[in-house]
Amino acid sequence: MADFDEELDASGLNCPLPILRAKKTLAKMDAGKILHIIATDPGSVKDFEAFARQTGNELVESKEVGGKFEFLIKKA
């Protein structure tokens, strides 16, 4: 896992909460900073892909680790 600037643990939250929390956290971050998100909702994989496309933020990494989904999003 690459370096990141902030971490958001959205484990146990279902759509759309992981996206909403990520959006709120990203709003407080500077451009170019990276947010690491941990989620347990399988739907979050497609959600974060769509979120990145729609917001212009870059989905740097998306992977599953032991039943949890991890994302790195770089703020545009």
Protein backbone atom coordinates (compact mmCIF):
# COMPACT_ATOMS: atom_id res chain seq x y z
CA MET A 1 0.00 0.00 0.00
CA ALA A 2 1.39 3.36 -1.01
CA ASP A 3 1.83 6.30 1.32
CA PHE A 4 -1.26 8.30 2.23
CA ASP A 5 -2.04 11.50 4.11
CA GLU A 6 -5.35 10.68 5.78
CA GLU A 7 -7.18 7.48 6.65
CA LEU A 8 -10.92 6.85 6.77
CA ASP A 9 -12.24 3.64 8.30
CA ALA A 10 -15.73 3.09 6.89
CA SER A 11 -15.92 -0.55 8.00
CA GLY A 12 -19.46 -1.68 8.76
CA LEU A 13 -21.03 1.21 6.85
CA ASN A 14 -23.23 0.55 3.83
CA CYS A 15 -23.75 2.62 0.70
CA PRO A 16 -23.85 5.59 0.48
CA LEU A 17 -22.12 6.27 3.83
CA PRO A 18 -18.53 5.32 2.82
CA ILE A 19 -18.77 7.69 -0.18
CA LEU A 20 -20.31 10.49 1.88
CA ARG A 21 -17.63 10.19 4.56
CA ALA A 22 -14.90 10.12 1.92
CA LYS A 23 -16.35 13.21 0.23
CA LYS A 24 -16.43 15.06 3.57
CA THR A 25 -12.85 14.04 4.43
CA LEU A 26 -11.54 14.94 0.95
CA ALA A 27 -13.16 18.38 1.23
CA LYS A 28 -10.81 19.17 4.14
CA MET A 29 -7.71 17.93 2.32
CA ASP A 30 -5.35 19.82 -0.01
CA ALA A 31 -5.06 18.93 -3.71
CA GLY A 32 -2.57 16.15 -4.37
CA LYS A 33 -3.07 14.57 -0.93
CA ILE A 34 -4.07 10.91 -0.71
CA LEU A 35 -6.95 9.46 1.30
CA HIS A 36 -6.83 5.78 2.33
CA ILE A 37 -10.31 4.32 2.78
CA ILE A 38 -11.17 0.98 4.37
CA ALA A 39 -14.68 -0.36 3.69
CA THR A 40 -16.52 -3.65 4.17
CA ASP A 41 -19.40 -3.05 1.74
CA PRO A 42 -18.72 -5.01 -1.50
CA GLY A 43 -20.70 -2.36 -3.39
CA SER A 44 -18.10 0.22 -2.44
CA VAL A 45 -15.76 -1.04 -5.20
CA LYS A 46 -18.09 0.17 -7.97
CA ASP A 47 -19.14 3.17 -5.87
CA PHE A 48 -15.61 4.50 -5.50
CA GLU A 49 -14.85 3.93 -9.19
CA ALA A 50 -17.91 6.01 -10.10
CA PHE A 51 -17.12 8.59 -7.41
CA ALA A 52 -13.62 9.11 -8.80
CA ARG A 53 -14.94 9.49 -12.37
CA GLN A 54 -17.65 11.95 -11.34
CA THR A 55 -15.51 14.11 -9.04
CA GLY A 56 -12.26 14.15 -11.01
CA ASN A 57 -10.34 12.70 -8.06
CA GLU A 58 -7.96 9.88 -8.97
CA LEU A 59 -8.58 6.34 -7.75
CA VAL A 60 -4.93 5.37 -7.31
CA GLU A 61 -5.53 1.89 -5.91
CA SER A 62 -8.43 -0.43 -5.18
CA LYS A 63 -7.95 -3.85 -3.62
CA GLU A 64 -9.50 -6.45 -1.33
CA VAL A 65 -7.59 -7.55 1.74
CA GLY A 66 -9.11 -10.21 3.97
CA GLY A 67 -12.72 -9.30 3.24
CA LYS A 68 -12.09 -5.57 3.50
CA PHE A 69 -11.87 -3.22 0.57
CA GLU A 70 -9.12 -0.62 0.50
CA PHE A 71 -8.96 2.44 -1.72
CA LEU A 72 -6.46 5.20 -2.28
CA ILE A 73 -7.97 8.38 -3.69
CA LYS A 74 -5.82 11.32 -4.71
CA LYS A 75 -7.57 14.65 -4.38
CA ALA A 76 -7.72 16.60 -7.63
